[in-house]
Protein backbone atom coordinates (compact mmCIF):
# COMPACT_ATOMS: atom_id res chain seq x y z
CA MET A 1 0.00 0.00 0.00
CA THR A 2 1.39 3.39 -0.98
CA THR A 3 1.32 6.43 1.23
CA PRO A 4 -1.10 9.13 0.05
CA PRO A 5 0.46 12.46 -0.90
CA PRO A 6 0.31 15.14 1.77
CA ILE A 7 -2.66 17.48 1.54
CA GLU A 8 -0.31 20.36 0.81
CA LYS A 9 0.75 18.67 -2.45
CA ILE A 10 -2.78 18.18 -3.79
CA LEU A 11 -4.24 21.43 -2.43
CA PRO A 12 -3.27 23.68 -5.39
CA ALA A 13 -4.83 21.30 -7.91
CA LEU A 14 -7.92 20.90 -5.74
CA LEU A 15 -8.40 24.66 -5.29
CA SER A 16 -7.89 25.18 -9.03
CA ALA A 17 -10.50 22.54 -9.89
CA LEU A 18 -12.96 24.11 -7.46
CA ALA A 19 -12.35 27.62 -8.83
CA THR A 20 -13.00 26.39 -12.37
CA ASN A 21 -15.95 24.07 -11.75
CA ASN A 22 -17.44 25.15 -8.39
CA ARG A 23 -17.56 21.48 -7.35
CA CYS A 24 -15.19 18.58 -7.10
CA LEU A 25 -15.29 14.85 -6.53
CA LEU A 26 -12.25 13.67 -4.60
CA VAL A 27 -11.38 9.99 -4.88
CA ALA A 28 -8.66 8.54 -2.67
CA GLN A 29 -7.93 5.44 -0.67
CA PRO A 30 -9.37 4.96 2.84
CA GLY A 31 -7.51 6.90 5.48
CA ALA A 32 -6.21 9.56 3.09
CA GLY A 33 -8.13 12.35 4.86
CA LYS A 34 -11.00 12.89 2.41
CA THR A 35 -13.58 13.30 5.17
CA THR A 36 -11.69 15.27 7.79
CA ARG A 37 -8.32 16.68 6.70
CA VAL A 38 -9.25 17.96 3.25
CA PRO A 39 -12.42 19.84 4.31
CA LEU A 40 -10.66 21.53 7.25
CA THR A 41 -7.77 22.49 4.97
CA LEU A 42 -10.20 23.92 2.40
CA ILE A 43 -12.04 26.12 4.90
CA HIS A 44 -8.67 27.26 6.25
CA HIS A 45 -7.44 28.25 2.76
CA THR A 46 -10.59 29.97 1.49
CA GLU A 47 -12.30 33.20 2.44
CA ALA A 48 -15.36 33.17 4.66
CA SER A 49 -17.15 35.00 1.85
CA HIS A 50 -16.67 31.90 -0.31
CA GLY A 51 -19.85 30.53 1.20
CA ARG A 52 -20.64 27.21 2.79
CA TRP A 53 -18.89 23.96 1.94
CA LEU A 54 -21.04 20.84 1.73
CA LEU A 55 -19.56 17.43 2.48
CA LEU A 56 -21.72 14.48 1.50
CA GLU A 57 -21.57 11.44 3.79
CA PRO A 58 -23.58 8.29 3.03
CA ARG A 59 -24.81 7.58 6.56
CA ARG A 60 -26.26 9.73 9.33
CA ALA A 61 -23.94 8.33 12.00
CA ALA A 62 -20.90 9.00 9.80
CA ALA A 63 -22.04 12.58 9.17
CA ARG A 64 -22.52 13.29 12.88
CA LEU A 65 -19.20 11.66 13.83
CA ALA A 66 -17.24 13.48 11.12
CA ALA A 67 -18.72 16.85 12.11
CA ASP A 68 -18.02 16.17 15.79
CA TYR A 69 -14.42 15.14 15.08
CA MET A 70 -13.70 18.19 12.92
CA ALA A 71 -15.32 20.57 15.43
CA LYS A 72 -13.10 19.10 18.16
CA GLN A 73 -10.05 19.63 15.93
CA LEU A 74 -10.99 23.32 15.86
CA ASN A 75 -11.73 23.39 19.61
CA GLU A 76 -15.33 24.34 18.87
CA LYS A 77 -18.82 22.96 19.29
CA VAL A 78 -20.66 21.29 16.44
CA GLY A 79 -22.69 23.98 14.74
CA ASP A 80 -20.03 26.68 14.95
CA THR A 81 -17.60 26.43 11.99
CA VAL A 82 -18.51 22.79 11.31
CA GLY A 83 -22.04 21.47 11.50
CA TYR A 84 -24.23 18.73 10.10
CA ARG A 85 -27.68 18.22 8.65
CA VAL A 86 -29.22 14.75 8.51
CA ARG A 87 -32.81 13.56 8.27
CA GLY A 88 -34.66 14.84 11.32
CA GLU A 89 -31.64 16.57 12.89
CA SER A 90 -29.62 19.69 12.19
CA LYS A 91 -26.75 21.39 14.01
CA VAL A 92 -25.75 24.39 11.93
CA GLY A 93 -25.55 28.07 12.68
CA ASN A 94 -24.89 31.44 11.10
CA THR A 95 -21.12 30.89 11.34
CA THR A 96 -21.14 27.36 9.90
CA ARG A 97 -18.75 27.15 6.93
CA LEU A 98 -18.66 23.37 6.53
CA GLU A 99 -21.88 21.38 6.60
CA VAL A 100 -21.71 17.59 6.61
CA ILE A 101 -24.90 16.28 5.01
CA THR A 102 -26.50 13.01 3.99
CA GLN A 103 -28.14 12.43 0.64
CA GLY A 104 -31.65 12.19 2.10
């Protein structure tokens, strides 16, 4: 198994793709940081005026756990910079910049 490239190496290409297309599908092996490291890096490297990032997670439990983990990385509560919205439950606020959502 090869080691994934550091986020810093793929960040310029990712930001360029997002600037051109306004959306991006990131495919990488498990454990590469798609769910937690990349979104936090993106909100760190973009202006607050950029709007709200949406991160699609397939399951409600995964969405809640990912949002909780990222909020803890920022020493915040869920609903501040990072929040989530799943069927029947929402923890987002006016300052939320990254919203973890499920398809439903």
